[in-house]
């Protein structure tokens, strides 16, 4: 047997073993939130259910014209909530005021894409995306006038023994690290309330 064939016979099984092991590791630990749920088991949420500015809400918050009334979640949000929590940002490309917030939310949406459903709702795209933009206005915590960027996170939470959908929304700019805390909270609440 020539040396090349012998080397191939010896190395090929080793290389294939390494590739198979690497594929197994990658399939069980996709990028994003590392999907190693160990962080979820020891995580302590920063925000709880309530009616204040620092809470997740099941109804519109105080100050909203429909304060205390339930939110009418769009069907596409309800469909997405069957599989994960939902993050959305409503903005317009080229909007100097809203682009920094949109960029932060898009970055975090991509970072946590394995643990949530992210909707980048750019009004400039028109069509179905624009329709979703107008439906997403339901998450404006102040009602009209509506300002963009409008950001919302929707998840499930235990409300006195009943699992309900809760949300929090913001108009305008928000600190990235504060917002990431909200995202982790939403992922955590979805995880513990969905039986994952």
N, C-alpha and C. Protein backbone atom coordinates (compact mmCIF):
# COMPACT_ATOMS: atom_id res chain seq x y z
N UNK A 1 0.85 -1.17 0.00
CA UNK A 1 0.00 0.00 0.00
C UNK A 1 0.90 1.23 0.00
N UNK A 2 0.57 2.21 -0.85
CA UNK A 2 1.41 3.41 -0.93
C UNK A 2 1.18 4.28 0.32
N UNK A 3 2.16 5.15 0.65
CA UNK A 3 2.08 5.94 1.89
C UNK A 3 0.87 6.87 1.93
N UNK A 4 0.47 7.43 0.80
CA UNK A 4 -0.69 8.34 0.79
C UNK A 4 -1.97 7.59 1.13
N UNK A 5 -2.15 6.42 0.55
CA UNK A 5 -3.35 5.63 0.83
C UNK A 5 -3.38 5.19 2.29
N UNK A 6 -2.21 4.83 2.82
CA UNK A 6 -2.13 4.40 4.21
C UNK A 6 -2.45 5.58 5.15
N UNK A 7 -1.91 6.76 4.84
CA UNK A 7 -2.17 7.95 5.65
C UNK A 7 -3.67 8.29 5.63
N UNK A 8 -4.27 8.18 4.44
CA UNK A 8 -5.69 8.44 4.30
C UNK A 8 -6.51 7.44 5.11
N UNK A 9 -6.11 6.18 5.08
CA UNK A 9 -6.82 5.14 5.81
C UNK A 9 -6.75 5.37 7.32
N UNK A 10 -5.64 5.91 7.79
CA UNK A 10 -5.46 6.15 9.22
C UNK A 10 -6.15 7.46 9.65
N UNK A 11 -6.00 8.53 8.85
CA UNK A 11 -6.51 9.84 9.23
C UNK A 11 -8.00 10.01 9.01
N UNK A 12 -8.55 9.41 7.98
CA UNK A 12 -9.95 9.62 7.65
C UNK A 12 -10.90 9.28 8.81
N UNK A 13 -10.76 8.13 9.44
CA UNK A 13 -11.66 7.86 10.58
C UNK A 13 -11.50 8.89 11.72
N UNK A 14 -10.29 9.35 11.97
CA UNK A 14 -10.06 10.35 13.03
C UNK A 14 -10.72 11.67 12.68
N UNK A 15 -10.55 12.11 11.45
CA UNK A 15 -11.14 13.37 11.01
C UNK A 15 -12.67 13.28 11.06
N UNK A 16 -13.22 12.17 10.59
CA UNK A 16 -14.67 12.00 10.63
C UNK A 16 -15.18 11.99 12.07
N UNK A 17 -14.46 11.39 12.97
CA UNK A 17 -14.87 11.38 14.39
C UNK A 17 -14.90 12.79 14.95
N UNK A 18 -13.89 13.58 14.65
CA UNK A 18 -13.83 14.97 15.13
C UNK A 18 -15.00 15.78 14.55
N UNK A 19 -15.28 15.59 13.28
CA UNK A 19 -16.39 16.32 12.63
C UNK A 19 -17.73 15.92 13.26
N UNK A 20 -17.94 14.64 13.49
CA UNK A 20 -19.19 14.18 14.10
C UNK A 20 -19.34 14.74 15.50
N UNK A 21 -18.28 14.72 16.29
CA UNK A 21 -18.34 15.28 17.64
C UNK A 21 -18.63 16.77 17.59
N UNK A 22 -17.97 17.49 16.69
CA UNK A 22 -18.20 18.94 16.56
C UNK A 22 -19.65 19.23 16.16
N UNK A 23 -20.20 18.46 15.23
CA UNK A 23 -21.59 18.66 14.82
C UNK A 23 -22.55 18.37 15.97
N UNK A 24 -22.25 17.37 16.77
CA UNK A 24 -23.09 17.07 17.92
C UNK A 24 -23.07 18.22 18.92
N UNK A 25 -21.89 18.76 19.19
CA UNK A 25 -21.77 19.88 20.13
C UNK A 25 -22.52 21.10 19.61
N UNK A 26 -22.35 21.41 18.34
CA UNK A 26 -23.02 22.58 17.74
C UNK A 26 -24.53 22.40 17.76
N UNK A 27 -25.01 21.21 17.44
CA UNK A 27 -26.47 21.01 17.38
C UNK A 27 -27.10 21.10 18.76
N UNK A 28 -26.35 20.79 19.80
CA UNK A 28 -26.88 20.86 21.16
C UNK A 28 -26.61 22.19 21.85
N UNK A 29 -25.77 23.02 21.26
CA UNK A 29 -25.44 24.34 21.82
C UNK A 29 -25.39 25.38 20.72
N UNK A 30 -26.52 25.70 20.10
CA UNK A 30 -26.49 26.69 19.03
C UNK A 30 -26.07 28.06 19.55
N UNK A 31 -25.63 28.95 18.64
CA UNK A 31 -25.21 30.27 19.07
C UNK A 31 -26.37 31.08 19.62
N UNK A 32 -26.08 32.20 20.21
CA UNK A 32 -27.12 33.06 20.78
C UNK A 32 -27.03 33.04 22.28
N UNK A 33 -28.01 32.51 22.93
CA UNK A 33 -28.06 32.46 24.39
C UNK A 33 -27.38 31.19 24.88
N UNK A 34 -26.55 30.58 24.16
CA UNK A 34 -25.82 29.35 24.41
C UNK A 34 -26.77 28.19 24.67
N UNK A 35 -28.03 28.46 24.73
CA UNK A 35 -29.08 27.48 24.93
C UNK A 35 -28.76 26.41 25.94
N UNK A 36 -27.73 26.64 26.71
CA UNK A 36 -27.47 25.80 27.86
C UNK A 36 -28.35 26.39 28.95
N UNK A 37 -29.46 25.74 29.21
CA UNK A 37 -30.47 26.33 30.09
C UNK A 37 -29.99 26.50 31.52
N UNK A 38 -28.73 26.19 31.79
CA UNK A 38 -28.24 26.34 33.15
C UNK A 38 -28.37 27.79 33.62
N UNK A 39 -28.17 28.76 32.75
CA UNK A 39 -28.32 30.16 33.16
C UNK A 39 -29.76 30.45 33.56
N UNK A 40 -30.71 29.76 32.92
CA UNK A 40 -32.12 29.97 33.25
C UNK A 40 -32.47 29.40 34.63
N UNK A 41 -31.83 28.31 34.99
CA UNK A 41 -32.14 27.67 36.28
C UNK A 41 -31.69 28.51 37.46
N UNK A 42 -30.64 29.31 37.28
CA UNK A 42 -30.12 30.11 38.40
C UNK A 42 -30.42 31.61 38.24
N UNK A 43 -31.15 31.96 37.19
CA UNK A 43 -31.41 33.37 36.88
C UNK A 43 -32.45 33.95 37.84
N UNK A 44 -32.22 35.17 38.26
CA UNK A 44 -33.18 35.92 39.07
C UNK A 44 -33.65 37.12 38.24
N UNK A 45 -34.94 37.16 37.90
CA UNK A 45 -35.43 38.25 37.06
C UNK A 45 -35.31 39.62 37.73
N UNK A 46 -35.12 40.63 36.90
CA UNK A 46 -35.00 42.01 37.36
C UNK A 46 -36.37 42.68 37.46
N UNK A 47 -37.33 42.19 36.66
CA UNK A 47 -38.64 42.82 36.57
C UNK A 47 -39.73 41.79 36.84
N UNK A 48 -40.75 42.19 37.56
CA UNK A 48 -41.85 41.28 37.88
C UNK A 48 -43.14 41.81 37.26
N UNK A 49 -44.21 41.08 37.49
CA UNK A 49 -45.52 41.48 37.02
C UNK A 49 -46.06 42.59 37.92
N UNK A 50 -46.66 43.59 37.33
CA UNK A 50 -47.23 44.69 38.10
C UNK A 50 -47.84 45.72 37.18
N UNK A 51 -47.97 46.95 37.67
CA UNK A 51 -48.54 48.02 36.85
C UNK A 51 -47.59 49.20 36.70
N UNK A 52 -46.43 49.12 37.32
CA UNK A 52 -45.48 50.23 37.29
C UNK A 52 -44.62 50.27 36.04
N UNK A 53 -43.85 51.33 35.94
CA UNK A 53 -42.98 51.52 34.78
C UNK A 53 -41.87 50.48 34.71
N UNK A 54 -41.60 49.80 35.81
CA UNK A 54 -40.53 48.81 35.85
C UNK A 54 -41.07 47.39 35.93
N UNK A 55 -42.31 47.20 35.47
CA UNK A 55 -42.96 45.89 35.54
C UNK A 55 -43.38 45.40 34.17
N UNK A 56 -43.59 44.08 34.07
CA UNK A 56 -44.32 43.51 32.95
C UNK A 56 -45.81 43.73 33.24
N UNK A 57 -46.61 43.92 32.19
CA UNK A 57 -48.03 44.21 32.34
C UNK A 57 -48.88 43.14 31.65
N UNK A 58 -50.03 42.85 32.20
CA UNK A 58 -51.01 42.02 31.50
C UNK A 58 -52.13 42.91 30.95
N UNK A 59 -52.22 44.14 31.46
CA UNK A 59 -53.19 45.12 30.96
C UNK A 59 -52.43 46.41 30.66
N UNK A 60 -53.11 47.35 30.05
CA UNK A 60 -52.47 48.64 29.80
C UNK A 60 -52.10 49.30 31.12
N UNK A 61 -50.95 49.97 31.17
CA UNK A 61 -50.48 50.57 32.43
C UNK A 61 -51.22 51.87 32.77
N UNK A 62 -51.08 52.33 34.02
CA UNK A 62 -51.65 53.63 34.39
C UNK A 62 -51.12 54.73 33.45
N UNK A 63 -51.97 55.67 33.14
CA UNK A 63 -51.60 56.75 32.23
C UNK A 63 -52.05 56.49 30.81
N UNK A 64 -52.28 55.24 30.45
CA UNK A 64 -52.80 54.90 29.13
C UNK A 64 -54.32 55.09 29.16
N UNK A 65 -54.92 55.62 28.09
CA UNK A 65 -56.38 55.80 28.08
C UNK A 65 -57.17 54.52 28.36
N UNK A 66 -56.58 53.36 28.08
CA UNK A 66 -57.25 52.08 28.34
C UNK A 66 -56.64 51.38 29.56
N UNK A 67 -56.12 52.15 30.50
CA UNK A 67 -55.47 51.60 31.69
C UNK A 67 -56.35 50.53 32.35
N UNK A 68 -55.73 49.39 32.65
CA UNK A 68 -56.45 48.29 33.28
C UNK A 68 -57.15 47.35 32.32
N UNK A 69 -57.24 47.74 31.04
CA UNK A 69 -57.88 46.89 30.04
C UNK A 69 -56.84 45.96 29.40
N UNK A 70 -57.26 44.74 29.03
CA UNK A 70 -56.31 43.83 28.39
C UNK A 70 -55.90 44.31 27.01
N UNK A 71 -54.71 43.92 26.62
CA UNK A 71 -54.20 44.23 25.29
C UNK A 71 -54.77 43.23 24.30
N UNK A 72 -55.13 43.70 23.13
CA UNK A 72 -55.57 42.80 22.07
C UNK A 72 -54.32 42.43 21.26
N UNK A 73 -53.74 41.27 21.63
CA UNK A 73 -52.52 40.83 20.95
C UNK A 73 -52.83 40.46 19.50
N UNK A 74 -52.03 40.96 18.54
CA UNK A 74 -52.23 40.56 17.14
C UNK A 74 -52.06 39.04 16.99
N UNK A 75 -52.74 38.47 16.02
CA UNK A 75 -52.71 37.01 15.82
C UNK A 75 -51.29 36.50 15.56
N UNK A 76 -50.48 37.25 14.80
CA UNK A 76 -49.12 36.79 14.51
C UNK A 76 -48.27 36.75 15.78
N UNK A 77 -48.56 37.61 16.76
CA UNK A 77 -47.87 37.56 18.04
C UNK A 77 -48.34 36.33 18.81
N UNK A 78 -49.64 36.10 18.86
CA UNK A 78 -50.19 34.93 19.55
C UNK A 78 -49.63 33.64 18.96
N UNK A 79 -49.53 33.58 17.63
CA UNK A 79 -48.98 32.39 16.98
C UNK A 79 -47.52 32.19 17.39
N UNK A 80 -46.75 33.25 17.45
CA UNK A 80 -45.34 33.16 17.82
C UNK A 80 -45.17 32.77 19.29
N UNK A 81 -46.08 33.22 20.14
CA UNK A 81 -46.00 32.91 21.57
C UNK A 81 -46.23 31.43 21.86
N UNK A 82 -46.68 30.66 20.90
CA UNK A 82 -46.82 29.22 21.08
C UNK A 82 -45.45 28.55 21.18
N UNK A 83 -44.40 29.24 20.66
CA UNK A 83 -43.06 28.65 20.61
C UNK A 83 -42.01 29.39 21.42
N UNK A 84 -42.21 30.67 21.67
CA UNK A 84 -41.20 31.45 22.39
C UNK A 84 -41.77 32.82 22.73
N UNK A 85 -41.00 33.57 23.52
CA UNK A 85 -41.40 34.96 23.75
C UNK A 85 -41.14 35.76 22.47
N UNK A 86 -41.67 36.98 22.43
CA UNK A 86 -41.60 37.79 21.21
C UNK A 86 -40.96 39.13 21.52
N UNK A 87 -40.06 39.54 20.65
CA UNK A 87 -39.42 40.86 20.70
C UNK A 87 -39.73 41.54 19.38
N UNK A 88 -40.11 42.82 19.45
CA UNK A 88 -40.34 43.55 18.20
C UNK A 88 -39.86 44.98 18.33
N UNK A 89 -39.49 45.53 17.20
CA UNK A 89 -39.17 46.96 17.13
C UNK A 89 -39.84 47.51 15.88
N UNK A 90 -40.56 48.60 16.07
CA UNK A 90 -41.24 49.31 15.00
C UNK A 90 -40.44 50.59 14.75
N UNK A 91 -39.95 50.74 13.52
CA UNK A 91 -39.10 51.89 13.19
C UNK A 91 -39.21 52.19 11.70
N UNK A 92 -38.49 53.20 11.27
CA UNK A 92 -38.44 53.55 9.86
C UNK A 92 -36.98 53.76 9.48
N UNK A 93 -36.51 53.04 8.47
CA UNK A 93 -35.14 53.22 8.00
C UNK A 93 -34.92 54.67 7.61
N UNK A 94 -33.82 55.23 8.06
CA UNK A 94 -33.50 56.62 7.77
C UNK A 94 -33.98 57.59 8.82
N UNK A 95 -34.73 57.11 9.80
CA UNK A 95 -35.21 57.96 10.89
C UNK A 95 -34.05 58.17 11.86
N UNK A 96 -33.47 59.36 11.85
CA UNK A 96 -32.29 59.64 12.66
C UNK A 96 -32.57 59.46 14.15
N UNK A 97 -33.76 59.79 14.59
CA UNK A 97 -34.10 59.72 16.00
C UNK A 97 -34.30 58.27 16.45
N UNK A 98 -34.91 57.44 15.61
CA UNK A 98 -35.24 56.09 16.06
C UNK A 98 -34.21 55.04 15.67
N UNK A 99 -33.29 55.35 14.76
CA UNK A 99 -32.35 54.34 14.27
C UNK A 99 -31.43 53.77 15.36
N UNK A 100 -30.90 54.59 16.31
CA UNK A 100 -30.04 53.99 17.34
C UNK A 100 -30.76 52.92 18.16
N UNK A 101 -32.01 53.18 18.54
CA UNK A 101 -32.77 52.17 19.30
C UNK A 101 -33.05 50.96 18.42
N UNK A 102 -33.46 51.18 17.18
CA UNK A 102 -33.72 50.06 16.28
C UNK A 102 -32.46 49.21 16.12
N UNK A 103 -31.31 49.84 15.96
CA UNK A 103 -30.06 49.09 15.81
C UNK A 103 -29.75 48.25 17.04
N UNK A 104 -29.96 48.81 18.23
CA UNK A 104 -29.72 48.06 19.47
C UNK A 104 -30.66 46.86 19.57
N UNK A 105 -31.93 47.08 19.26
CA UNK A 105 -32.90 45.99 19.36
C UNK A 105 -32.60 44.91 18.32
N UNK A 106 -32.25 45.32 17.12
CA UNK A 106 -31.89 44.35 16.07
C UNK A 106 -30.68 43.53 16.51
N UNK A 107 -29.67 44.19 17.07
CA UNK A 107 -28.48 43.48 17.55
C UNK A 107 -28.85 42.44 18.62
N UNK A 108 -29.66 42.86 19.60
CA UNK A 108 -30.05 41.94 20.67
C UNK A 108 -31.03 40.87 20.17
N UNK A 109 -31.89 41.23 19.22
CA UNK A 109 -32.78 40.23 18.62
C UNK A 109 -31.99 39.13 17.94
N UNK A 110 -30.93 39.51 17.26
CA UNK A 110 -30.07 38.51 16.62
C UNK A 110 -29.28 37.71 17.64
N UNK A 111 -28.83 38.36 18.71
CA UNK A 111 -28.06 37.67 19.75
C UNK A 111 -28.90 36.58 20.41
N UNK A 112 -30.17 36.85 20.66
CA UNK A 112 -31.04 35.92 21.37
C UNK A 112 -32.02 35.19 20.46
N UNK A 113 -31.72 35.15 19.18
CA UNK A 113 -32.65 34.59 18.19
C UNK A 113 -33.02 33.13 18.45
N UNK A 114 -32.19 32.39 19.18
CA UNK A 114 -32.51 31.00 19.46
C UNK A 114 -33.49 30.84 20.62
N UNK A 115 -33.77 31.94 21.31
CA UNK A 115 -34.64 31.88 22.49
C UNK A 115 -35.88 32.75 22.38
N UNK A 116 -36.04 33.45 21.26
CA UNK A 116 -37.21 34.31 21.08
C UNK A 116 -37.51 34.49 19.61
N UNK A 117 -38.70 34.97 19.33
CA UNK A 117 -39.07 35.33 17.95
C UNK A 117 -38.91 36.84 17.84
N UNK A 118 -38.09 37.28 16.88
CA UNK A 118 -37.81 38.70 16.72
C UNK A 118 -38.46 39.22 15.44
N UNK A 119 -39.13 40.36 15.57
CA UNK A 119 -39.75 41.03 14.42
C UNK A 119 -39.11 42.40 14.27
N UNK A 120 -38.41 42.59 13.16
CA UNK A 120 -37.85 43.89 12.77
C UNK A 120 -38.89 44.54 11.87
N UNK A 121 -39.71 45.41 12.44
CA UNK A 121 -40.84 45.99 11.72
C UNK A 121 -40.46 47.37 11.18
N UNK A 122 -39.90 47.38 9.99
CA UNK A 122 -39.47 48.60 9.34
C UNK A 122 -40.60 49.09 8.43
N UNK A 123 -41.17 50.24 8.76
CA UNK A 123 -42.28 50.81 7.99
C UNK A 123 -41.96 50.96 6.51
N UNK A 124 -40.69 51.16 6.19
CA UNK A 124 -40.27 51.37 4.79
C UNK A 124 -40.50 50.14 3.92
N UNK A 125 -40.62 48.96 4.55
CA UNK A 125 -40.77 47.73 3.77
C UNK A 125 -42.16 47.56 3.19
N UNK A 126 -43.15 48.23 3.76
CA UNK A 126 -44.51 48.15 3.24
C UNK A 126 -45.11 46.76 3.38
N UNK A 127 -46.21 46.53 2.70
CA UNK A 127 -46.85 45.21 2.65
C UNK A 127 -47.19 44.64 4.01
N UNK A 128 -46.91 43.35 4.18
CA UNK A 128 -47.23 42.62 5.41
C UNK A 128 -46.50 43.22 6.62
N UNK A 129 -45.26 43.65 6.41
CA UNK A 129 -44.50 44.24 7.51
C UNK A 129 -45.16 45.54 7.98
N UNK A 130 -45.59 46.36 7.03
CA UNK A 130 -46.27 47.60 7.40
C UNK A 130 -47.58 47.32 8.14
N UNK A 131 -48.31 46.30 7.71
CA UNK A 131 -49.54 45.92 8.41
C UNK A 131 -49.24 45.52 9.85
N UNK A 132 -48.17 44.74 10.04
CA UNK A 132 -47.77 44.34 11.39
C UNK A 132 -47.36 45.56 12.21
N UNK A 133 -46.76 46.56 11.57
CA UNK A 133 -46.39 47.80 12.27
C UNK A 133 -47.62 48.44 12.90
N UNK A 134 -48.68 48.56 12.12
CA UNK A 134 -49.89 49.21 12.63
C UNK A 134 -50.55 48.37 13.73
N UNK A 135 -50.45 47.05 13.62
CA UNK A 135 -50.99 46.20 14.68
C UNK A 135 -50.13 46.26 15.95
N UNK A 136 -48.81 46.43 15.76
CA UNK A 136 -47.89 46.48 16.91
C UNK A 136 -48.08 47.73 17.75
N UNK A 137 -48.75 48.73 17.22
CA UNK A 137 -49.03 49.95 17.98
C UNK A 137 -49.84 49.62 19.24
N UNK A 138 -50.47 48.45 19.26
CA UNK A 138 -51.19 48.00 20.47
C UNK A 138 -50.26 47.99 21.68
N UNK A 139 -48.95 47.88 21.46
CA UNK A 139 -47.98 47.81 22.56
C UNK A 139 -47.40 49.17 22.94
N UNK A 140 -47.99 50.24 22.44
CA UNK A 140 -47.56 51.58 22.82
C UNK A 140 -48.06 51.83 24.25
N UNK A 141 -47.15 52.01 25.20
CA UNK A 141 -47.58 52.14 26.59
C UNK A 141 -48.29 53.44 26.91
N UNK A 142 -48.19 54.43 26.00
CA UNK A 142 -48.78 55.74 26.25
C UNK A 142 -49.96 56.05 25.34
N UNK A 143 -50.20 55.23 24.33
CA UNK A 143 -51.19 55.48 23.29
C UNK A 143 -50.74 56.66 22.43
N UNK A 144 -51.64 57.33 21.77
CA UNK A 144 -51.25 58.38 20.84
C UNK A 144 -50.85 59.67 21.57
N UNK A 145 -49.98 60.47 20.97
CA UNK A 145 -49.39 60.22 19.66
C UNK A 145 -48.36 59.10 19.76
N UNK A 146 -48.23 58.35 18.69
CA UNK A 146 -47.32 57.21 18.65
C UNK A 146 -45.96 57.67 18.15
N UNK A 147 -44.92 57.32 18.88
CA UNK A 147 -43.55 57.67 18.50
C UNK A 147 -42.77 56.40 18.20
N UNK A 148 -41.83 56.52 17.28
CA UNK A 148 -40.95 55.40 16.98
C UNK A 148 -39.53 55.82 17.34
N UNK A 149 -38.72 54.91 17.69
CA UNK A 149 -38.87 53.48 17.66
C UNK A 149 -39.76 53.02 18.82
N UNK A 150 -40.70 52.14 18.48
CA UNK A 150 -41.55 51.49 19.48
C UNK A 150 -41.01 50.08 19.64
N UNK A 151 -40.66 49.73 20.86
CA UNK A 151 -40.09 48.42 21.16
C UNK A 151 -41.01 47.72 22.14
N UNK A 152 -41.19 46.41 21.96
CA UNK A 152 -42.01 45.64 22.90
C UNK A 152 -41.45 44.24 23.07
N UNK A 153 -41.62 43.70 24.26
CA UNK A 153 -41.28 42.31 24.56
C UNK A 153 -42.53 41.68 25.16
N UNK A 154 -42.90 40.51 24.65
CA UNK A 154 -44.11 39.82 25.09
C UNK A 154 -43.72 38.41 25.50
N UNK A 155 -44.22 37.96 26.64
CA UNK A 155 -43.87 36.63 27.15
C UNK A 155 -45.04 36.07 27.94
N UNK A 156 -44.83 34.94 28.59
CA UNK A 156 -45.87 34.38 29.46
C UNK A 156 -45.41 34.48 30.90
N UNK A 157 -46.37 34.61 31.80
CA UNK A 157 -46.03 34.80 33.22
C UNK A 157 -47.14 34.18 34.08
N UNK A 158 -46.77 33.78 35.27
CA UNK A 158 -47.74 33.27 36.23
C UNK A 158 -48.38 34.46 36.94
N UNK A 159 -49.68 34.61 36.75
CA UNK A 159 -50.44 35.68 37.38
C UNK A 159 -51.41 35.06 38.37
N UNK A 160 -50.96 34.92 39.61
CA UNK A 160 -51.79 34.30 40.67
C UNK A 160 -52.27 32.90 40.30
N UNK A 161 -51.36 32.08 39.77
CA UNK A 161 -51.69 30.70 39.45
C UNK A 161 -52.22 30.48 38.04
N UNK A 162 -52.41 31.53 37.29
CA UNK A 162 -52.89 31.43 35.91
C UNK A 162 -51.79 31.95 34.98
N UNK A 163 -51.43 31.15 33.97
CA UNK A 163 -50.41 31.58 33.02
C UNK A 163 -51.07 32.51 32.01
N UNK A 164 -50.53 33.72 31.91
CA UNK A 164 -51.06 34.74 31.00
C UNK A 164 -49.93 35.35 30.20
N UNK A 165 -50.28 36.00 29.11
CA UNK A 165 -49.29 36.74 28.34
C UNK A 165 -49.11 38.11 28.98
N UNK A 166 -47.87 38.51 29.11
CA UNK A 166 -47.56 39.83 29.64
C UNK A 166 -46.61 40.52 28.67
N UNK A 167 -46.44 41.81 28.85
CA UNK A 167 -45.65 42.59 27.91
C UNK A 167 -45.10 43.83 28.59
N UNK A 168 -44.16 44.44 27.90
CA UNK A 168 -43.69 45.76 28.27
C UNK A 168 -43.30 46.46 26.97
N UNK A 169 -43.58 47.74 26.89
CA UNK A 169 -43.28 48.49 25.68
C UNK A 169 -42.62 49.82 25.99
N UNK A 170 -41.86 50.33 25.02
CA UNK A 170 -41.14 51.60 25.16
C UNK A 170 -41.23 52.38 23.86
N UNK A 171 -41.29 53.67 23.99
CA UNK A 171 -41.14 54.56 22.85
C UNK A 171 -39.78 55.24 22.98
N UNK A 172 -39.07 55.33 21.88
CA UNK A 172 -37.79 56.04 21.89
C UNK A 172 -36.62 55.18 22.33
N UNK A 173 -35.61 55.86 22.85
CA UNK A 173 -34.32 55.27 23.15
C UNK A 173 -34.29 54.57 24.50
N UNK A 174 -33.43 53.56 24.60
CA UNK A 174 -33.27 52.82 25.84
C UNK A 174 -31.85 52.30 25.93
N UNK A 175 -31.31 52.26 27.14
CA UNK A 175 -29.96 51.76 27.37
C UNK A 175 -29.89 50.27 27.02
N UNK A 176 -28.83 49.87 26.31
CA UNK A 176 -28.69 48.50 25.84
C UNK A 176 -28.66 47.49 27.00
N UNK A 177 -27.90 47.76 28.04
CA UNK A 177 -27.80 46.79 29.13
C UNK A 177 -29.13 46.67 29.89
N UNK A 178 -29.84 47.79 30.07
CA UNK A 178 -31.16 47.72 30.70
C UNK A 178 -32.12 46.88 29.85
N UNK A 179 -32.08 47.13 28.55
CA UNK A 179 -32.98 46.42 27.65
C UNK A 179 -32.65 44.93 27.62
N UNK A 180 -31.36 44.59 27.65
CA UNK A 180 -30.97 43.18 27.64
C UNK A 180 -31.51 42.48 28.89
N UNK A 181 -31.58 43.18 30.02
CA UNK A 181 -32.18 42.61 31.22
C UNK A 181 -33.64 42.25 31.01
N UNK A 182 -34.38 43.12 30.32
CA UNK A 182 -35.79 42.82 30.00
C UNK A 182 -35.89 41.57 29.12
N UNK A 183 -34.99 41.47 28.14
CA UNK A 183 -35.02 40.31 27.23
C UNK A 183 -34.75 39.03 28.02
N UNK A 184 -33.74 39.04 28.87
CA UNK A 184 -33.43 37.85 29.67
C UNK A 184 -34.60 37.49 30.58
N UNK A 185 -35.23 38.50 31.16
CA UNK A 185 -36.41 38.25 32.00
C UNK A 185 -37.51 37.56 31.18
N UNK A 186 -37.77 38.07 29.99
CA UNK A 186 -38.83 37.50 29.15
C UNK A 186 -38.51 36.05 28.78
N UNK A 187 -37.26 35.78 28.44
CA UNK A 187 -36.86 34.40 28.11
C UNK A 187 -37.03 33.52 29.34
N UNK A 188 -36.60 34.01 30.49
CA UNK A 188 -36.73 33.26 31.74
C UNK A 188 -38.19 32.96 32.05
N UNK A 189 -39.05 33.99 32.01
CA UNK A 189 -40.46 33.77 32.32
C UNK A 189 -41.10 32.79 31.32
N UNK A 190 -40.75 32.91 30.06
CA UNK A 190 -41.31 31.98 29.08
C UNK A 190 -40.86 30.57 29.41
N UNK A 191 -39.59 30.42 29.73
CA UNK A 191 -39.01 29.11 30.04
C UNK A 191 -39.73 28.45 31.22
N UNK A 192 -39.91 29.17 32.32
CA UNK A 192 -40.50 28.56 33.52
C UNK A 192 -42.02 28.39 33.40
N UNK A 193 -42.64 29.13 32.50
CA UNK A 193 -44.11 29.06 32.39
C UNK A 193 -44.61 28.27 31.19
N UNK A 194 -43.69 27.76 30.39
CA UNK A 194 -44.11 27.00 29.22
C UNK A 194 -43.81 25.51 29.36
N UNK A 195 -43.19 25.13 30.46
CA UNK A 195 -42.88 23.72 30.67
C UNK A 195 -41.70 23.24 29.86
N UNK A 196 -40.85 24.17 29.36
CA UNK A 196 -39.67 23.77 28.60
C UNK A 196 -38.70 23.03 29.47
